[in-house]
Amino acid sequence: MEPKVWRPGADDPKPEGLAQLDRYLDRLAPATGVLVIFGRRPEAPPRRERGGFEQATTPSGRQVTVLRAWWVTQSPSPSVPPLRGGLPS
């Protein structure tokens, strides 16, 4: 599994993530893997379109699953502290 974050102002990290996942799979030898892309951009799509699964092909031809999940940060609740460095204790 390879996690990537799609930050504001940046390009979609999917191509880079697929290439990196491919290198990991070369070393570890599993047949497939999962690329998880967390969207941190403020221009999140409508709620029902914010997450989902898709199939993709790595540069070497492996079939992998891509999970996209949006982490919306526009108006955080004041009662919920942000996660920094792990889960709150």
Protein backbone atom coordinates (compact mmCIF):
# COMPACT_ATOMS: atom_id res chain seq x y z
CA MET A 1 0.00 0.00 0.00
CA GLU A 2 1.27 3.44 -0.91
CA PRO A 3 -0.38 6.57 0.56
CA LYS A 4 -0.18 9.94 -1.20
CA VAL A 5 -1.67 13.35 -0.36
CA TRP A 6 -3.08 15.64 -3.05
CA ARG A 7 -2.22 19.07 -1.64
CA PRO A 8 -3.60 22.45 -2.73
CA GLY A 9 -1.88 23.77 -5.85
CA ALA A 10 -0.29 20.41 -6.69
CA ASP A 11 -0.96 18.02 -9.55
CA ASP A 12 -2.78 14.74 -8.99
CA PRO A 13 -0.21 12.41 -7.33
CA LYS A 14 -1.62 9.30 -9.03
CA PRO A 15 1.15 8.91 -11.69
CA GLU A 16 3.91 9.34 -9.10
CA GLY A 17 2.11 7.03 -6.67
CA LEU A 18 1.66 4.31 -9.28
CA ALA A 19 5.37 4.43 -10.15
CA GLN A 20 6.39 4.30 -6.48
CA LEU A 21 3.97 1.45 -5.75
CA ASP A 22 5.42 -0.40 -8.75
CA ARG A 23 8.93 -0.15 -7.26
CA TYR A 24 7.70 -1.48 -3.91
CA LEU A 25 5.93 -4.38 -5.60
CA ASP A 26 9.14 -5.20 -7.52
CA ARG A 27 11.01 -5.59 -4.23
CA LEU A 28 8.30 -7.28 -2.18
CA ALA A 29 6.89 -9.51 -4.97
CA PRO A 30 3.12 -9.37 -4.30
CA ALA A 31 0.99 -9.55 -7.43
CA THR A 32 -1.00 -6.39 -6.69
CA GLY A 33 -1.19 -3.37 -4.40
CA VAL A 34 -3.28 -0.39 -3.33
CA LEU A 35 -2.61 3.31 -3.88
CA VAL A 36 -4.48 5.55 -1.41
CA ILE A 37 -4.80 9.23 -2.38
CA PHE A 38 -6.01 11.63 0.30
CA GLY A 39 -7.35 14.85 -1.22
CA ARG A 40 -6.47 17.89 0.90
CA ARG A 41 -7.49 20.51 -1.66
CA PRO A 42 -10.16 23.01 -0.58
CA GLU A 43 -12.00 22.60 -3.90
CA ALA A 44 -13.36 19.17 -2.94
CA PRO A 45 -15.94 17.67 -5.29
CA PRO A 46 -19.54 17.14 -4.10
CA ARG A 47 -19.79 14.85 -1.07
CA ARG A 48 -21.03 11.77 -2.98
CA GLU A 49 -18.05 12.07 -5.37
CA ARG A 50 -15.34 12.46 -2.73
CA GLY A 51 -14.27 8.88 -2.41
CA GLY A 52 -14.19 5.72 -4.36
CA PHE A 53 -12.24 2.87 -5.83
CA GLU A 54 -10.85 2.49 -9.33
CA GLN A 55 -8.55 0.07 -11.07
CA ALA A 56 -5.30 1.36 -12.54
CA THR A 57 -2.22 -0.01 -14.28
CA THR A 58 1.29 0.68 -13.00
CA PRO A 59 4.13 1.58 -15.41
CA SER A 60 5.20 -2.10 -15.52
CA GLY A 61 1.67 -3.32 -16.26
CA ARG A 62 0.44 -4.47 -12.83
CA GLN A 63 -3.24 -4.03 -12.04
CA VAL A 64 -3.72 -2.17 -8.74
CA THR A 65 -6.58 -0.58 -6.82
CA VAL A 66 -6.69 3.19 -6.27
CA LEU A 67 -8.71 4.52 -3.34
CA ARG A 68 -9.46 8.24 -3.33
CA ALA A 69 -10.58 9.84 -0.07
CA TRP A 70 -11.13 13.55 0.59
CA TRP A 71 -9.93 15.14 3.81
CA VAL A 72 -11.91 18.37 3.81
CA THR A 73 -10.32 21.08 5.95
CA GLN A 74 -12.45 24.09 5.07
CA SER A 75 -14.27 24.60 8.39
CA PRO A 76 -13.08 22.27 11.15
CA SER A 77 -15.20 21.85 14.22
CA PRO A 78 -13.72 23.79 17.16
CA SER A 79 -14.48 20.82 19.43
CA VAL A 80 -12.36 18.39 17.39
CA PRO A 81 -8.59 19.00 17.54
CA PRO A 82 -6.62 18.51 14.32
CA LEU A 83 -4.59 15.31 14.01
CA ARG A 84 -0.90 16.17 14.18
CA GLY A 85 1.66 13.49 14.86
CA GLY A 86 -0.91 10.78 15.53
CA LEU A 87 -4.19 10.26 17.29
CA PRO A 88 -5.11 12.35 20.32
CA SER A 89 -4.56 10.63 23.65
